[in-house]
Amino acid sequence: MISRIKNYLSVSKKEWNGMVVLVILIALILAAPYILQLFRKDTTIIDPKEFNKAVAVLEKAKKPQPGGNSGPTFYKKAAAGEMIELNTADSATLTELKGIGPSFARRIIGYRNRLGGFCRKEQLLEVYGLDSDRYAGLQAQVSVNPSEIKRTDINTVNFETLSRFPYLSYKQANAVIQFREQHGQYESLADLKNIAIMDKNTIQKIEPYITFK
């Protein structure tokens, strides 16, 4: 019985060598993180000046802004009494108006480009989506300089350009071009009254935007 147990528990030389190798491998695996840490060098170099600048920026951001809460300010609304001229303002300036975000600012500039400029501030109500309530909140903060309007020469303009003008329908724009081709150049606003589909109200609207060179 004892001899059987000895035979069962006996280990050959080959098996013993295998066990030794296994133990060594396990020991190396467990020790690897510590060994790598000993040989690893931190190559990060910190510039003291840049570090101090970063700290200064963070400290400034933490300080409360006058008249407001602490933290960064992304944009401000136009102050009371501060006027924004509609024909020269860029989109960033327009977003300072009450109720005007980037989307409305782009619409205003797009409509201004189609017109050639605003001749009166009430034309903002013609911008898509800008209702009377929104206009009431900003109308006291805007002004219009009519001298900034870009006028169109009615005697040289083509149909493609004229058809984009907000106050003319496609049919009216085409009629203006056709009448000019048939009867010659326009000399005054009165000549437009000879076009059947040009009503008095439309002619009054386009008057500030056309010239007769």
Protein backbone atom coordinates (compact mmCIF):
# COMPACT_ATOMS: atom_id res chain seq x y z
CA MET A 1 0.00 0.00 0.00
CA ILE A 2 2.75 2.43 0.95
CA SER A 3 4.74 1.56 -2.15
CA ARG A 4 1.71 2.38 -4.28
CA ILE A 5 1.37 5.78 -2.66
CA LYS A 6 5.07 6.49 -3.21
CA ASN A 7 4.76 5.51 -6.84
CA TYR A 8 1.70 7.76 -7.20
CA LEU A 9 3.40 10.77 -5.61
CA SER A 10 6.77 10.29 -7.27
CA VAL A 11 7.83 12.90 -9.81
CA SER A 12 10.10 12.23 -12.70
CA LYS A 13 13.07 14.46 -13.46
CA LYS A 14 11.40 15.76 -16.60
CA GLU A 15 8.24 16.66 -14.66
CA TRP A 16 10.30 18.34 -11.95
CA ASN A 17 12.13 20.51 -14.47
CA GLY A 18 8.80 21.51 -16.00
CA MET A 19 7.46 22.55 -12.60
CA VAL A 20 10.55 24.66 -11.90
CA VAL A 21 10.20 26.47 -15.25
CA LEU A 22 6.49 27.08 -14.58
CA VAL A 23 7.19 28.56 -11.14
CA ILE A 24 9.84 30.85 -12.61
CA LEU A 25 7.45 32.05 -15.33
CA ILE A 26 4.73 32.78 -12.78
CA ALA A 27 7.18 34.69 -10.63
CA LEU A 28 8.34 36.77 -13.62
CA ILE A 29 4.78 37.60 -14.63
CA LEU A 30 3.93 38.75 -11.11
CA ALA A 31 7.10 40.81 -10.85
CA ALA A 32 6.92 42.34 -14.33
CA PRO A 33 4.94 45.52 -13.38
CA TYR A 34 7.39 46.35 -10.63
CA ILE A 35 10.41 45.69 -12.84
CA LEU A 36 9.03 47.90 -15.64
CA GLN A 37 8.33 50.68 -13.16
CA LEU A 38 11.97 50.64 -12.05
CA PHE A 39 13.28 51.01 -15.58
CA ARG A 40 10.63 53.44 -16.85
CA LYS A 41 11.64 57.11 -17.02
CA ASP A 42 9.18 60.01 -17.01
CA THR A 43 10.05 62.07 -20.08
CA THR A 44 7.33 64.70 -19.53
CA ILE A 45 8.77 68.19 -19.28
CA ILE A 46 6.61 70.88 -17.71
CA ASP A 47 7.21 74.44 -18.81
CA PRO A 48 6.80 76.60 -15.66
CA LYS A 49 5.71 79.64 -17.69
CA GLU A 50 2.98 77.75 -19.55
CA PHE A 51 1.83 76.16 -16.29
CA ASN A 52 1.55 79.58 -14.62
CA LYS A 53 -0.42 80.92 -17.59
CA ALA A 54 -2.90 78.05 -17.35
CA VAL A 55 -3.34 78.63 -13.62
CA ALA A 56 -3.95 82.36 -14.22
CA VAL A 57 -6.66 81.61 -16.81
CA LEU A 58 -8.42 79.22 -14.45
CA GLU A 59 -8.30 81.73 -11.62
CA LYS A 60 -9.73 84.46 -13.85
CA ALA A 61 -12.57 82.18 -14.95
CA LYS A 62 -13.51 81.54 -11.33
CA LYS A 63 -13.89 85.24 -10.52
CA PRO A 64 -17.51 86.52 -10.76
CA GLN A 65 -18.15 88.90 -13.64
CA PRO A 66 -19.51 92.37 -12.77
CA GLY A 67 -23.28 92.35 -12.78
CA GLY A 68 -23.57 88.63 -13.45
CA ASN A 69 -22.81 85.12 -12.27
CA SER A 70 -19.35 83.60 -12.20
CA GLY A 71 -18.16 81.56 -15.14
CA PRO A 72 -17.56 82.18 -18.85
CA THR A 73 -19.81 84.50 -20.85
CA PHE A 74 -20.57 83.31 -24.37
CA TYR A 75 -22.28 86.42 -25.74
CA LYS A 76 -24.13 89.47 -24.52
CA LYS A 77 -27.32 91.14 -25.60
CA ALA A 78 -27.15 94.72 -26.82
CA ALA A 79 -27.25 97.17 -23.96
CA ALA A 80 -30.09 99.64 -23.57
CA GLY A 81 -29.53 102.62 -25.85
CA GLU A 82 -27.00 100.77 -28.01
CA MET A 83 -28.12 100.89 -31.63
CA ILE A 84 -27.27 98.31 -34.28
CA GLU A 85 -27.34 99.45 -37.91
CA LEU A 86 -29.13 96.76 -39.93
CA ASN A 87 -27.41 97.32 -43.27
CA THR A 88 -23.85 96.95 -41.98
CA ALA A 89 -24.17 94.55 -39.02
CA ASP A 90 -22.69 91.08 -39.39
CA SER A 91 -24.35 87.92 -38.03
CA ALA A 92 -22.40 88.02 -34.75
CA THR A 93 -23.56 91.58 -34.09
CA LEU A 94 -27.18 90.74 -34.88
CA THR A 95 -27.19 87.97 -32.26
CA GLU A 96 -26.75 90.69 -29.63
CA LEU A 97 -30.34 91.73 -30.29
CA LYS A 98 -33.05 90.45 -27.99
CA GLY A 99 -34.63 87.28 -29.37
CA ILE A 100 -32.17 86.94 -32.27
CA GLY A 101 -30.00 83.83 -32.38
CA PRO A 102 -27.64 82.58 -35.11
CA SER A 103 -30.51 81.19 -37.20
CA PHE A 104 -32.47 84.46 -37.30
CA ALA A 105 -29.25 86.42 -37.85
CA ARG A 106 -28.58 84.36 -41.00
CA ARG A 107 -32.16 84.89 -42.21
CA ILE A 108 -31.92 88.66 -41.70
CA ILE A 109 -28.66 88.88 -43.64
CA GLY A 110 -30.02 86.61 -46.38
CA TYR A 111 -33.12 88.76 -46.80
CA ARG A 112 -31.01 91.94 -46.67
CA ASN A 113 -28.86 90.61 -49.52
CA ARG A 114 -31.90 89.80 -51.65
CA LEU A 115 -33.32 93.28 -51.06
CA GLY A 116 -30.10 95.19 -51.42
CA GLY A 117 -30.51 96.56 -47.90
CA PHE A 118 -33.20 97.80 -45.55
CA CYS A 119 -34.77 101.21 -46.10
CA ARG A 120 -36.77 101.04 -42.88
CA LYS A 121 -36.56 98.81 -39.79
CA GLU A 122 -40.15 97.55 -40.16
CA GLN A 123 -38.96 95.40 -43.05
CA LEU A 124 -37.65 92.97 -40.44
CA LEU A 125 -41.24 91.75 -40.18
CA GLU A 126 -40.82 90.41 -43.73
CA VAL A 127 -38.07 88.04 -42.57
CA TYR A 128 -39.43 84.49 -42.35
CA GLY A 129 -40.43 83.59 -38.78
CA LEU A 130 -39.81 87.03 -37.29
CA ASP A 131 -43.19 87.93 -35.81
CA SER A 132 -44.51 91.16 -34.27
CA ASP A 133 -43.70 90.07 -30.69
CA ARG A 134 -40.06 89.41 -31.54
CA TYR A 135 -39.87 92.66 -33.51
CA ALA A 136 -41.35 94.62 -30.60
CA GLY A 137 -38.52 93.38 -28.39
CA LEU A 138 -35.73 94.54 -30.71
CA GLN A 139 -37.04 97.47 -32.77
CA ALA A 140 -35.77 100.06 -30.27
CA GLN A 141 -32.24 98.67 -30.61
CA VAL A 142 -31.90 98.87 -34.40
CA SER A 143 -31.46 101.67 -36.89
CA VAL A 144 -31.34 101.86 -40.69
CA ASN A 145 -29.02 103.88 -42.90
CA PRO A 146 -30.69 104.02 -46.36
CA SER A 147 -27.46 105.24 -47.95
CA GLU A 148 -26.10 101.70 -47.49
CA ILE A 149 -28.72 100.28 -49.90
CA LYS A 150 -27.29 98.69 -53.05
CA ARG A 151 -29.48 99.81 -55.93
CA THR A 152 -30.12 97.80 -59.12
CA ASP A 153 -29.93 99.32 -62.57
CA ILE A 154 -33.31 98.43 -64.05
CA ASN A 155 -31.91 98.86 -67.57
CA THR A 156 -29.12 96.28 -67.25
CA VAL A 157 -30.36 93.76 -64.71
CA ASN A 158 -31.14 90.27 -66.05
CA PHE A 159 -34.14 88.11 -65.27
CA GLU A 160 -32.27 85.72 -62.96
CA THR A 161 -31.19 88.54 -60.66
CA LEU A 162 -34.47 90.43 -60.80
CA SER A 163 -36.53 87.31 -60.06
CA ARG A 164 -34.76 86.95 -56.69
CA PHE A 165 -35.95 90.38 -55.59
CA PRO A 166 -38.52 89.84 -52.78
CA TYR A 167 -41.07 92.42 -53.99
CA LEU A 168 -41.45 91.04 -57.50
CA SER A 169 -43.10 87.80 -58.57
CA TYR A 170 -41.59 85.73 -61.37
CA LYS A 171 -44.26 87.03 -63.76
CA GLN A 172 -43.60 90.64 -62.79
CA ALA A 173 -39.82 90.24 -63.14
CA ASN A 174 -40.29 88.69 -66.56
CA ALA A 175 -42.70 91.47 -67.58
CA VAL A 176 -40.14 94.14 -66.61
CA ILE A 177 -37.47 92.46 -68.78
CA GLN A 178 -39.83 91.88 -71.73
CA PHE A 179 -41.16 95.45 -71.68
CA ARG A 180 -37.59 96.79 -71.71
CA GLU A 181 -36.68 94.59 -74.69
CA GLN A 182 -39.77 95.68 -76.63
CA HIS A 183 -39.84 99.40 -75.80
CA GLY A 184 -36.25 100.28 -74.93
CA GLN A 185 -34.70 101.47 -71.72
CA TYR A 186 -36.69 102.87 -68.83
CA GLU A 187 -36.25 106.60 -68.18
CA SER A 188 -38.18 106.96 -64.95
CA LEU A 189 -40.44 105.20 -62.49
CA ALA A 190 -43.43 106.32 -64.50
CA ASP A 191 -42.43 103.94 -67.32
CA LEU A 192 -43.04 100.96 -65.03
CA LYS A 193 -46.67 102.00 -64.67
CA ASN A 194 -47.15 101.06 -68.32
CA ILE A 195 -46.65 97.38 -67.42
CA ALA A 196 -50.11 95.89 -66.87
CA ILE A 197 -49.23 93.58 -63.97
CA MET A 198 -47.19 96.20 -62.06
CA ASP A 199 -49.50 97.70 -59.44
CA LYS A 200 -48.94 100.97 -57.56
CA ASN A 201 -48.04 99.27 -54.28
CA THR A 202 -45.33 97.13 -55.91
CA ILE A 203 -43.82 100.12 -57.69
CA GLN A 204 -43.66 102.05 -54.41
CA LYS A 205 -41.88 99.13 -52.74
CA ILE A 206 -39.19 98.77 -55.40
CA GLU A 207 -38.59 102.51 -55.86
CA PRO A 208 -35.75 102.76 -53.24
CA TYR A 209 -33.94 99.83 -54.87
CA ILE A 210 -33.74 100.73 -58.56
CA THR A 211 -31.91 103.27 -60.68
CA PHE A 212 -32.34 104.42 -64.29
CA LYS A 213 -28.81 104.88 -65.62
